[in-house]
Amino acid sequence: MNAGWRDIRPSGRRARNAGFSIVEVAILALLLLVAVGGLSGAVLSSLRLSHSAEESARADQAAHLLAAELQRTPFAEIYARYNGSLLDDPATEASPGAAFDVAGLTARQDDPDGRVGRLVFPSTTLAGGVEILDENVSDERLGMPEGLDLDGDGVLGDASDDYRLLPVRLILEWSGVGGPRSYELDLLLQP
């Protein structure tokens, strides 16, 4: 060797510790993959949760918009316009009926009418498909643990179109990002 040059190669023990072995690189790569996998799982869970929250917000907004629409409808027409029977609809304009869709939500596969939402009144369906209010319906959530005098005449059990109280449940059921989802809103409408 030239006298002016020094040998810069590591020797002995330093030579063995100078670089990474293939085993060390493999372990580092494995740890990096585990960290990236955990992070991507967290990101996917966060996206799923965000989408689920968006679905719930859509359902809540749709239910409250429909509740506001019910309150704008002339009280005497609410039941006839929004029940499941077409036979008692007022002739003034087309009635929306008991079922409705919500933009951005998909009805469940097993839903009989293929629509996301429906309104439920304390009613009974007679022969011929006519639906009438029934004061004897027992539904605690609608404020009717043992029925309710809907027409205010002091007699429980008579059916009348001249109601003064109108309990209604808005039900939304959809197939969401996390599986089947539902939302319910109970109202007690008065004139």
N, C-alpha and C. Protein backbone atom coordinates (compact mmCIF):
# COMPACT_ATOMS: atom_id res chain seq x y z
N MET A 1 0.82 -1.17 0.00
CA MET A 1 0.00 0.00 0.00
C MET A 1 0.87 1.23 0.00
N ASN A 2 0.27 2.25 -0.45
CA ASN A 2 0.95 3.53 -0.51
C ASN A 2 1.10 4.07 0.90
N ALA A 3 2.22 4.67 1.21
CA ALA A 3 2.53 5.14 2.56
C ALA A 3 1.58 6.24 3.00
N GLY A 4 1.04 7.02 2.07
CA GLY A 4 0.15 8.12 2.43
C GLY A 4 -1.29 7.68 2.68
N TRP A 5 -1.59 6.51 2.32
CA TRP A 5 -2.96 6.01 2.47
C TRP A 5 -3.08 5.10 3.67
N ARG A 6 -4.15 5.26 4.38
CA ARG A 6 -4.40 4.35 5.50
C ARG A 6 -5.51 3.38 5.11
N ASP A 7 -5.48 2.25 5.65
CA ASP A 7 -6.51 1.25 5.39
C ASP A 7 -7.75 1.65 6.22
N ILE A 8 -8.86 1.97 5.53
CA ILE A 8 -10.05 2.42 6.24
C ILE A 8 -11.09 1.30 6.42
N ARG A 9 -10.78 0.13 6.00
CA ARG A 9 -11.71 -0.99 6.17
C ARG A 9 -11.76 -1.39 7.63
N PRO A 10 -12.99 -1.62 8.17
CA PRO A 10 -13.09 -2.06 9.54
C PRO A 10 -12.51 -3.46 9.68
N SER A 11 -11.93 -3.70 10.76
CA SER A 11 -11.33 -5.02 10.95
C SER A 11 -11.87 -5.65 12.22
N GLY A 12 -11.86 -6.93 12.26
CA GLY A 12 -12.23 -7.69 13.46
C GLY A 12 -13.69 -7.50 13.84
N ARG A 13 -13.93 -7.18 15.12
CA ARG A 13 -15.27 -7.06 15.68
C ARG A 13 -16.07 -5.93 15.01
N ARG A 14 -15.43 -4.84 14.71
CA ARG A 14 -16.12 -3.73 14.04
C ARG A 14 -16.62 -4.13 12.67
N ALA A 15 -15.96 -5.00 11.98
CA ALA A 15 -16.36 -5.43 10.64
C ALA A 15 -17.67 -6.20 10.71
N ARG A 16 -17.86 -6.97 11.75
CA ARG A 16 -19.09 -7.76 11.87
C ARG A 16 -20.28 -6.89 12.25
N ASN A 17 -20.12 -5.80 12.93
CA ASN A 17 -21.22 -4.92 13.37
C ASN A 17 -21.43 -3.74 12.44
N ALA A 18 -20.73 -3.67 11.36
CA ALA A 18 -20.79 -2.50 10.50
C ALA A 18 -22.10 -2.39 9.72
N GLY A 19 -22.78 -3.44 9.36
CA GLY A 19 -24.02 -3.38 8.56
C GLY A 19 -25.14 -4.17 9.20
N PHE A 20 -26.29 -4.18 8.55
CA PHE A 20 -27.43 -4.95 9.05
C PHE A 20 -27.41 -6.32 8.40
N SER A 21 -27.76 -7.31 9.18
CA SER A 21 -27.86 -8.65 8.61
C SER A 21 -29.23 -8.81 7.96
N ILE A 22 -29.38 -9.81 7.15
CA ILE A 22 -30.65 -10.05 6.47
C ILE A 22 -31.75 -10.37 7.47
N VAL A 23 -31.43 -11.00 8.59
CA VAL A 23 -32.41 -11.30 9.63
C VAL A 23 -32.91 -10.01 10.27
N GLU A 24 -32.03 -9.08 10.54
CA GLU A 24 -32.42 -7.81 11.12
C GLU A 24 -33.31 -7.02 10.16
N VAL A 25 -32.99 -7.03 8.90
CA VAL A 25 -33.80 -6.33 7.89
C VAL A 25 -35.18 -6.98 7.81
N ALA A 26 -35.24 -8.30 7.84
CA ALA A 26 -36.53 -9.01 7.77
C ALA A 26 -37.39 -8.68 8.99
N ILE A 27 -36.79 -8.63 10.17
CA ILE A 27 -37.54 -8.31 11.39
C ILE A 27 -38.06 -6.88 11.31
N LEU A 28 -37.23 -5.96 10.85
CA LEU A 28 -37.66 -4.57 10.70
C LEU A 28 -38.81 -4.46 9.70
N ALA A 29 -38.71 -5.18 8.58
CA ALA A 29 -39.77 -5.16 7.57
C ALA A 29 -41.07 -5.72 8.15
N LEU A 30 -40.98 -6.78 8.93
CA LEU A 30 -42.16 -7.37 9.55
C LEU A 30 -42.81 -6.39 10.53
N LEU A 31 -42.01 -5.73 11.35
CA LEU A 31 -42.55 -4.74 12.27
C LEU A 31 -43.21 -3.59 11.53
N LEU A 32 -42.61 -3.17 10.45
CA LEU A 32 -43.19 -2.09 9.64
C LEU A 32 -44.52 -2.53 9.03
N LEU A 33 -44.61 -3.76 8.55
CA LEU A 33 -45.86 -4.28 7.99
C LEU A 33 -46.96 -4.35 9.04
N VAL A 34 -46.61 -4.79 10.25
CA VAL A 34 -47.59 -4.85 11.33
C VAL A 34 -48.09 -3.45 11.67
N ALA A 35 -47.20 -2.49 11.75
CA ALA A 35 -47.59 -1.11 12.06
C ALA A 35 -48.49 -0.53 10.97
N VAL A 36 -48.13 -0.75 9.70
CA VAL A 36 -48.94 -0.24 8.59
C VAL A 36 -50.29 -0.93 8.57
N GLY A 37 -50.33 -2.25 8.84
CA GLY A 37 -51.60 -2.98 8.89
C GLY A 37 -52.50 -2.46 9.98
N GLY A 38 -51.95 -2.20 11.15
CA GLY A 38 -52.75 -1.63 12.24
C GLY A 38 -53.26 -0.25 11.91
N LEU A 39 -52.44 0.55 11.31
CA LEU A 39 -52.85 1.90 10.93
C LEU A 39 -53.94 1.86 9.87
N SER A 40 -53.79 1.00 8.87
CA SER A 40 -54.82 0.93 7.82
C SER A 40 -56.12 0.39 8.40
N GLY A 41 -56.05 -0.55 9.34
CA GLY A 41 -57.26 -1.04 9.99
C GLY A 41 -57.96 0.07 10.75
N ALA A 42 -57.20 0.90 11.43
CA ALA A 42 -57.78 2.02 12.17
C ALA A 42 -58.42 3.03 11.22
N VAL A 43 -57.77 3.28 10.09
CA VAL A 43 -58.33 4.21 9.10
C VAL A 43 -59.63 3.65 8.53
N LEU A 44 -59.66 2.35 8.21
CA LEU A 44 -60.88 1.73 7.68
C LEU A 44 -62.00 1.77 8.71
N SER A 45 -61.69 1.49 9.96
CA SER A 45 -62.70 1.55 11.02
C SER A 45 -63.24 2.97 11.16
N SER A 46 -62.35 3.93 11.08
CA SER A 46 -62.76 5.33 11.18
C SER A 46 -63.68 5.71 10.02
N LEU A 47 -63.36 5.27 8.82
CA LEU A 47 -64.21 5.56 7.65
C LEU A 47 -65.58 4.90 7.80
N ARG A 48 -65.60 3.66 8.28
CA ARG A 48 -66.86 2.94 8.49
C ARG A 48 -67.71 3.66 9.53
N LEU A 49 -67.08 4.09 10.62
CA LEU A 49 -67.80 4.80 11.67
C LEU A 49 -68.33 6.13 11.17
N SER A 50 -67.55 6.82 10.38
CA SER A 50 -67.97 8.09 9.80
C SER A 50 -69.18 7.89 8.88
N HIS A 51 -69.13 6.85 8.06
CA HIS A 51 -70.25 6.57 7.15
C HIS A 51 -71.50 6.18 7.94
N SER A 52 -71.31 5.42 9.01
CA SER A 52 -72.43 5.02 9.86
C SER A 52 -73.06 6.25 10.52
N ALA A 53 -72.24 7.17 10.98
CA ALA A 53 -72.75 8.41 11.59
C ALA A 53 -73.50 9.25 10.55
N GLU A 54 -73.01 9.25 9.33
CA GLU A 54 -73.68 9.99 8.26
C GLU A 54 -75.05 9.38 7.97
N GLU A 55 -75.14 8.04 7.96
CA GLU A 55 -76.43 7.37 7.76
C GLU A 55 -77.41 7.74 8.87
N SER A 56 -76.95 7.71 10.10
CA SER A 56 -77.81 8.06 11.24
C SER A 56 -78.28 9.50 11.13
N ALA A 57 -77.41 10.38 10.71
CA ALA A 57 -77.79 11.79 10.54
C ALA A 57 -78.84 11.95 9.44
N ARG A 58 -78.69 11.19 8.35
CA ARG A 58 -79.70 11.24 7.27
C ARG A 58 -81.06 10.77 7.79
N ALA A 59 -81.06 9.67 8.55
CA ALA A 59 -82.30 9.13 9.09
C ALA A 59 -82.94 10.14 10.05
N ASP A 60 -82.15 10.72 10.92
CA ASP A 60 -82.66 11.71 11.88
C ASP A 60 -83.24 12.91 11.15
N GLN A 61 -82.53 13.40 10.15
CA GLN A 61 -83.00 14.57 9.39
C GLN A 61 -84.30 14.24 8.66
N ALA A 62 -84.37 13.05 8.02
CA ALA A 62 -85.58 12.66 7.29
C ALA A 62 -86.77 12.55 8.24
N ALA A 63 -86.57 11.95 9.41
CA ALA A 63 -87.66 11.81 10.38
C ALA A 63 -88.15 13.17 10.86
N HIS A 64 -87.23 14.08 11.13
CA HIS A 64 -87.65 15.40 11.61
C HIS A 64 -88.29 16.24 10.51
N LEU A 65 -87.85 16.07 9.27
CA LEU A 65 -88.50 16.77 8.16
C LEU A 65 -89.93 16.26 7.96
N LEU A 66 -90.10 14.94 8.07
CA LEU A 66 -91.45 14.38 7.94
C LEU A 66 -92.33 14.81 9.11
N ALA A 67 -91.77 14.87 10.31
CA ALA A 67 -92.54 15.35 11.47
C ALA A 67 -93.01 16.78 11.24
N ALA A 68 -92.14 17.61 10.68
CA ALA A 68 -92.51 19.00 10.38
C ALA A 68 -93.59 19.04 9.29
N GLU A 69 -93.48 18.14 8.31
CA GLU A 69 -94.50 18.08 7.25
C GLU A 69 -95.85 17.65 7.82
N LEU A 70 -95.84 16.71 8.75
CA LEU A 70 -97.08 16.28 9.40
C LEU A 70 -97.72 17.46 10.14
N GLN A 71 -96.91 18.26 10.79
CA GLN A 71 -97.44 19.40 11.55
C GLN A 71 -97.98 20.50 10.63
N ARG A 72 -97.49 20.58 9.39
CA ARG A 72 -98.01 21.57 8.44
C ARG A 72 -99.29 21.09 7.75
N THR A 73 -99.55 19.80 7.80
CA THR A 73 -100.75 19.23 7.17
C THR A 73 -101.96 19.56 8.04
N PRO A 74 -103.09 19.93 7.42
CA PRO A 74 -104.29 20.18 8.24
C PRO A 74 -104.55 18.96 9.14
N PHE A 75 -104.76 19.23 10.42
CA PHE A 75 -104.84 18.16 11.41
C PHE A 75 -105.87 17.09 11.03
N ALA A 76 -107.02 17.51 10.56
CA ALA A 76 -108.10 16.56 10.23
C ALA A 76 -107.72 15.65 9.06
N GLU A 77 -106.69 15.99 8.28
CA GLU A 77 -106.31 15.18 7.12
C GLU A 77 -105.09 14.30 7.37
N ILE A 78 -104.39 14.49 8.46
CA ILE A 78 -103.12 13.77 8.67
C ILE A 78 -103.31 12.27 8.56
N TYR A 79 -104.25 11.71 9.34
CA TYR A 79 -104.41 10.26 9.35
C TYR A 79 -104.78 9.73 7.97
N ALA A 80 -105.74 10.36 7.31
CA ALA A 80 -106.19 9.89 5.99
C ALA A 80 -105.08 9.98 4.95
N ARG A 81 -104.26 11.01 5.01
CA ARG A 81 -103.21 11.21 4.01
C ARG A 81 -101.99 10.31 4.25
N TYR A 82 -101.72 9.96 5.50
CA TYR A 82 -100.48 9.24 5.81
C TYR A 82 -100.67 7.81 6.31
N ASN A 83 -101.89 7.31 6.33
CA ASN A 83 -102.05 5.91 6.74
C ASN A 83 -101.79 4.99 5.54
N GLY A 84 -101.90 3.69 5.76
CA GLY A 84 -101.59 2.72 4.72
C GLY A 84 -102.71 2.47 3.73
N SER A 85 -103.88 3.01 3.95
CA SER A 85 -105.03 2.78 3.09
C SER A 85 -105.17 3.90 2.06
N LEU A 86 -105.42 3.50 0.82
CA LEU A 86 -105.67 4.49 -0.24
C LEU A 86 -107.14 4.85 -0.32
N LEU A 87 -108.00 4.07 0.35
CA LEU A 87 -109.44 4.23 0.23
C LEU A 87 -109.98 5.48 0.92
N ASP A 88 -109.23 6.04 1.87
CA ASP A 88 -109.75 7.20 2.60
C ASP A 88 -108.98 8.49 2.29
N ASP A 89 -108.14 8.45 1.26
CA ASP A 89 -107.34 9.65 0.94
C ASP A 89 -108.24 10.82 0.54
N PRO A 90 -107.92 12.02 1.01
CA PRO A 90 -108.69 13.20 0.59
C PRO A 90 -108.51 13.42 -0.92
N ALA A 91 -109.54 13.92 -1.55
CA ALA A 91 -109.52 14.11 -3.00
C ALA A 91 -108.74 15.36 -3.42
N THR A 92 -108.30 16.18 -2.48
CA THR A 92 -107.67 17.45 -2.83
C THR A 92 -106.37 17.27 -3.61
N GLU A 93 -105.55 16.31 -3.23
CA GLU A 93 -104.29 16.06 -3.93
C GLU A 93 -103.81 14.65 -3.60
N ALA A 94 -102.80 14.20 -4.30
CA ALA A 94 -102.27 12.86 -4.04
C ALA A 94 -101.73 12.78 -2.61
N SER A 95 -102.04 11.70 -1.94
CA SER A 95 -101.58 11.50 -0.56
C SER A 95 -100.27 10.72 -0.56
N PRO A 96 -99.35 11.08 0.32
CA PRO A 96 -98.06 10.39 0.37
C PRO A 96 -98.14 8.96 0.89
N GLY A 97 -99.12 8.64 1.71
CA GLY A 97 -99.25 7.29 2.26
C GLY A 97 -98.30 7.06 3.42
N ALA A 98 -98.23 5.80 3.85
CA ALA A 98 -97.49 5.46 5.06
C ALA A 98 -96.02 5.15 4.82
N ALA A 99 -95.63 4.86 3.59
CA ALA A 99 -94.24 4.48 3.31
C ALA A 99 -93.52 5.62 2.60
N PHE A 100 -92.21 5.72 2.85
CA PHE A 100 -91.43 6.77 2.20
C PHE A 100 -89.98 6.34 2.03
N ASP A 101 -89.30 7.01 1.12
CA ASP A 101 -87.87 6.76 0.87
C ASP A 101 -87.05 7.86 1.51
N VAL A 102 -85.77 7.57 1.70
CA VAL A 102 -84.83 8.56 2.22
C VAL A 102 -83.61 8.54 1.32
N ALA A 103 -83.29 9.68 0.73
CA ALA A 103 -82.12 9.77 -0.15
C ALA A 103 -80.85 9.38 0.61
N GLY A 104 -80.07 8.51 0.01
CA GLY A 104 -78.81 8.09 0.62
C GLY A 104 -78.91 6.86 1.50
N LEU A 105 -80.14 6.36 1.75
CA LEU A 105 -80.31 5.14 2.53
C LEU A 105 -80.96 4.07 1.65
N THR A 106 -80.54 2.83 1.83
CA THR A 106 -81.03 1.71 1.03
C THR A 106 -81.93 0.83 1.89
N ALA A 107 -83.12 0.55 1.38
CA ALA A 107 -84.06 -0.30 2.12
C ALA A 107 -83.46 -1.69 2.32
N ARG A 108 -83.84 -2.31 3.40
CA ARG A 108 -83.38 -3.68 3.68
C ARG A 108 -83.92 -4.63 2.62
N GLN A 109 -83.17 -5.69 2.38
CA GLN A 109 -83.57 -6.69 1.39
C GLN A 109 -84.92 -7.32 1.74
N ASP A 110 -85.18 -7.53 3.02
CA ASP A 110 -86.40 -8.22 3.45
C ASP A 110 -87.58 -7.28 3.67
N ASP A 111 -87.44 -6.00 3.33
CA ASP A 111 -88.52 -5.04 3.53
C ASP A 111 -89.64 -5.34 2.52
N PRO A 112 -90.88 -5.52 3.00
CA PRO A 112 -91.97 -5.91 2.10
C PRO A 112 -92.28 -4.89 1.00
N ASP A 113 -92.19 -3.60 1.31
CA ASP A 113 -92.51 -2.61 0.28
C ASP A 113 -91.27 -2.01 -0.39
N GLY A 114 -90.09 -2.41 0.07
CA GLY A 114 -88.86 -1.92 -0.54
C GLY A 114 -88.55 -0.46 -0.27
N ARG A 115 -89.14 0.08 0.78
CA ARG A 115 -88.92 1.49 1.12
C ARG A 115 -88.31 1.58 2.52
N VAL A 116 -87.56 2.64 2.75
CA VAL A 116 -86.82 2.80 3.99
C VAL A 116 -87.73 3.12 5.17
N GLY A 117 -88.72 4.00 4.99
CA GLY A 117 -89.50 4.48 6.11
C GLY A 117 -90.97 4.16 6.03
N ARG A 118 -91.60 4.19 7.21
CA ARG A 118 -93.05 4.02 7.28
C ARG A 118 -93.57 4.72 8.53
N LEU A 119 -94.83 5.10 8.46
CA LEU A 119 -95.52 5.70 9.60
C LEU A 119 -96.48 4.67 10.16
N VAL A 120 -96.53 4.60 11.50
CA VAL A 120 -97.41 3.64 12.16
C VAL A 120 -98.33 4.42 13.08
N PHE A 121 -99.63 4.21 12.88
CA PHE A 121 -100.65 4.83 13.71
C PHE A 121 -101.30 3.74 14.57
N PRO A 122 -101.96 4.10 15.67
CA PRO A 122 -102.72 3.10 16.41
C PRO A 122 -104.00 2.79 15.65
N SER A 123 -103.93 1.81 14.78
CA SER A 123 -105.06 1.56 13.89
C SER A 123 -105.31 0.07 13.71
N THR A 124 -106.45 -0.21 13.12
CA THR A 124 -106.87 -1.56 12.78
C THR A 124 -107.30 -1.53 11.32
N THR A 125 -106.94 -2.56 10.58
CA THR A 125 -107.35 -2.66 9.18
C THR A 125 -108.58 -3.55 9.10
N LEU A 126 -109.65 -3.01 8.53
CA LEU A 126 -110.90 -3.74 8.38
C LEU A 126 -110.89 -4.51 7.06
N ALA A 127 -111.91 -5.35 6.89
CA ALA A 127 -112.07 -6.08 5.63
C ALA A 127 -112.20 -5.05 4.51
N GLY A 128 -111.57 -5.31 3.41
CA GLY A 128 -111.61 -4.39 2.28
C GLY A 128 -110.45 -3.41 2.29
N GLY A 129 -109.58 -3.50 3.29
CA GLY A 129 -108.38 -2.68 3.32
C GLY A 129 -108.54 -1.31 3.92
N VAL A 130 -109.70 -1.00 4.50
CA VAL A 130 -109.91 0.29 5.13
C VAL A 130 -109.22 0.26 6.50
N GLU A 131 -108.44 1.30 6.77
CA GLU A 131 -107.72 1.41 8.03
C GLU A 131 -108.41 2.45 8.89
N ILE A 132 -108.70 2.08 10.16
CA ILE A 132 -109.36 3.03 11.07
C ILE A 132 -108.52 3.18 12.33
N LEU A 133 -108.58 4.37 12.94
CA LEU A 133 -107.92 4.59 14.23
C LEU A 133 -108.58 3.70 15.27
N ASP A 134 -107.77 3.17 16.17
CA ASP A 134 -108.27 2.26 17.19
C ASP A 134 -107.78 2.73 18.56
N GLU A 135 -108.71 3.18 19.39
CA GLU A 135 -108.36 3.68 20.72
C GLU A 135 -107.91 2.56 21.66
N ASN A 136 -108.14 1.32 21.31
CA ASN A 136 -107.79 0.19 22.18
C ASN A 136 -106.39 -0.36 21.94
N VAL A 137 -105.67 0.20 21.00
CA VAL A 137 -104.31 -0.27 20.75
C VAL A 137 -103.46 -0.01 21.99
N SER A 138 -102.73 -1.02 22.40
CA SER A 138 -101.86 -0.88 23.57
C SER A 138 -100.42 -0.69 23.09
N ASP A 139 -99.89 0.50 23.31
CA ASP A 139 -98.52 0.81 22.89
C ASP A 139 -97.97 1.88 23.84
N GLU A 140 -97.18 1.45 24.81
CA GLU A 140 -96.66 2.38 25.82
C GLU A 140 -95.84 3.50 25.20
N ARG A 141 -95.06 3.19 24.17
CA ARG A 141 -94.20 4.21 23.58
C ARG A 141 -95.01 5.32 22.92
N LEU A 142 -96.22 5.01 22.48
CA LEU A 142 -97.09 6.04 21.90
C LEU A 142 -97.97 6.68 22.96
N GLY A 143 -97.69 6.41 24.23
CA GLY A 143 -98.50 6.99 25.30
C GLY A 143 -99.82 6.28 25.48
N MET A 144 -99.90 5.04 25.01
CA MET A 144 -101.14 4.28 25.06
C MET A 144 -100.92 2.95 25.78
N PRO A 145 -100.60 2.99 27.08
CA PRO A 145 -100.35 1.72 27.76
C PRO A 145 -101.59 0.83 27.81
N GLU A 146 -102.77 1.44 27.89
CA GLU A 146 -104.02 0.67 27.91
C GLU A 146 -105.02 1.29 26.95
N GLY A 147 -104.54 1.85 25.87
CA GLY A 147 -105.40 2.56 24.95
C GLY A 147 -105.38 4.05 25.26
N LEU A 148 -106.04 4.83 24.43
CA LEU A 148 -106.06 6.28 24.62
C LEU A 148 -107.32 6.84 23.98
N ASP A 149 -107.99 7.73 24.69
CA ASP A 149 -109.20 8.38 24.18
C ASP A 149 -108.79 9.42 23.14
N LEU A 150 -108.68 8.99 21.88
CA LEU A 150 -108.17 9.85 20.81
C LEU A 150 -109.12 10.98 20.44
N ASP A 151 -110.43 10.75 20.59
CA ASP A 151 -111.39 11.78 20.19
C ASP A 151 -111.85 12.65 21.36
N GLY A 152 -111.38 12.34 22.57
CA GLY A 152 -111.68 13.18 23.72
C GLY A 152 -113.11 13.16 24.18
N ASP A 153 -113.86 12.10 23.85
CA ASP A 153 -115.27 12.05 24.24
C ASP A 153 -115.49 11.35 25.58
N GLY A 154 -114.42 10.94 26.24
CA GLY A 154 -114.54 10.27 27.53
C GLY A 154 -114.82 8.79 27.44
N VAL A 155 -114.97 8.26 26.25
CA VAL A 155 -115.27 6.84 26.07
C VAL A 155 -114.09 6.21 25.33
N LEU A 156 -113.49 5.21 25.96
CA LEU A 156 -112.37 4.51 25.33
C LEU A 156 -112.91 3.34 24.53
N GLY A 157 -112.46 3.23 23.33
CA GLY A 157 -112.84 2.07 22.52
C GLY A 157 -113.71 2.40 21.33
N ASP A 158 -114.27 3.58 21.27
CA ASP A 158 -115.06 3.92 20.08
C ASP A 158 -114.13 4.48 19.03
N ALA A 159 -114.38 4.12 17.80
CA ALA A 159 -113.54 4.61 16.70
C ALA A 159 -114.20 5.85 16.12
N SER A 160 -113.40 6.88 15.92
CA SER A 160 -113.96 8.12 15.42
C SER A 160 -112.95 8.80 14.49
N ASP A 161 -113.47 9.42 13.45
CA ASP A 161 -112.62 10.21 12.56
C ASP A 161 -112.37 11.60 13.15
N ASP A 162 -113.08 11.93 14.22
CA ASP A 162 -112.95 13.24 14.84
C ASP A 162 -111.95 13.16 16.01
N TYR A 163 -110.71 12.81 15.70
CA TYR A 163 -109.71 12.64 16.75
C TYR A 163 -109.16 14.00 17.19
N ARG A 164 -108.71 14.06 18.45
CA ARG A 164 -108.10 15.26 19.04
C ARG A 164 -106.64 15.02 19.38
N LEU A 165 -106.26 13.76 19.49
CA LEU A 165 -104.88 13.33 19.71
C LEU A 165 -104.54 12.32 18.63
N LEU A 166 -103.33 12.40 18.12
CA LEU A 166 -102.93 11.44 17.09
C LEU A 166 -101.49 10.98 17.33
N PRO A 167 -101.34 9.83 17.97
CA PRO A 167 -100.00 9.27 18.14
C PRO A 167 -99.52 8.69 16.80
N VAL A 168 -98.24 8.85 16.53
CA VAL A 168 -97.67 8.29 15.30
C VAL A 168 -96.20 7.96 15.55
N ARG A 169 -95.77 6.86 14.98
CA ARG A 169 -94.37 6.44 15.07
C ARG A 169 -93.78 6.47 13.66
N LEU A 170 -92.66 7.15 13.51
CA LEU A 170 -91.92 7.16 12.25
C LEU A 170 -90.80 6.14 12.40
N ILE A 171 -90.79 5.15 11.53
CA ILE A 171 -89.80 4.08 11.59
C ILE A 171 -88.99 4.10 10.30
N LEU A 172 -87.66 4.12 10.44
CA LEU A 172 -86.76 4.01 9.30
C LEU A 172 -85.90 2.78 9.51
N GLU A 173 -85.84 1.92 8.50
CA GLU A 173 -85.01 0.72 8.56
C GLU A 173 -84.25 0.62 7.25
N TRP A 174 -82.92 0.44 7.36
CA TRP A 174 -82.11 0.40 6.15
C TRP A 174 -80.94 -0.55 6.31
N SER A 175 -80.34 -0.88 5.18
CA SER A 175 -79.10 -1.66 5.18
C SER A 175 -77.96 -0.67 5.21
N GLY A 176 -77.23 -0.67 6.30
CA GLY A 176 -76.15 0.29 6.46
C GLY A 176 -74.80 -0.34 6.26
N VAL A 177 -73.78 0.47 6.39
CA VAL A 177 -72.42 0.02 6.20
C VAL A 177 -72.05 -1.06 7.22
N GLY A 178 -72.66 -1.03 8.39
CA GLY A 178 -72.37 -2.02 9.42
C GLY A 178 -73.45 -3.08 9.55
N GLY A 179 -74.36 -3.17 8.59
CA GLY A 179 -75.45 -4.15 8.65
C GLY A 179 -76.79 -3.45 8.78
N PRO A 180 -77.82 -4.18 9.21
CA PRO A 180 -79.16 -3.59 9.33
C PRO A 180 -79.18 -2.51 10.41
N ARG A 181 -79.83 -1.40 10.09
CA ARG A 181 -79.92 -0.27 11.03
C ARG A 181 -81.37 0.18 11.11
N SER A 182 -81.72 0.88 12.19
CA SER A 182 -83.07 1.41 12.32
C SER A 182 -83.06 2.68 13.17
N TYR A 183 -84.13 3.46 13.00
CA TYR A 183 -84.29 4.72 13.72
C TYR A 183 -85.80 4.88 13.91
N GLU A 184 -86.22 5.29 15.10
CA GLU A 184 -87.65 5.51 15.36
C GLU A 184 -87.85 6.85 16.06
N LEU A 185 -88.96 7.48 15.73
CA LEU A 185 -89.34 8.74 16.36
C LEU A 185 -90.83 8.67 16.67
N ASP A 186 -91.18 8.84 17.93
CA ASP A 186 -92.59 8.82 18.35
C ASP A 186 -93.09 10.23 18.55
N LEU A 187 -94.30 10.49 18.04
CA LEU A 187 -94.90 11.82 18.13
C LEU A 187 -96.32 11.70 18.68
N LEU A 188 -96.78 12.74 19.33
CA LEU A 188 -98.18 12.85 19.72
C LEU A 188 -98.65 14.19 19.17
N LEU A 189 -99.40 14.12 18.07
CA LEU A 189 -99.86 15.33 17.39
C LEU A 189 -101.20 15.79 17.95
N GLN A 190 -101.38 17.10 17.98
CA GLN A 190 -102.62 17.72 18.43
C GLN A 190 -102.94 18.88 17.51
N PRO A 191 -104.25 19.26 17.43
CA PRO A 191 -104.59 20.41 16.56
C PRO A 191 -104.05 21.71 17.11
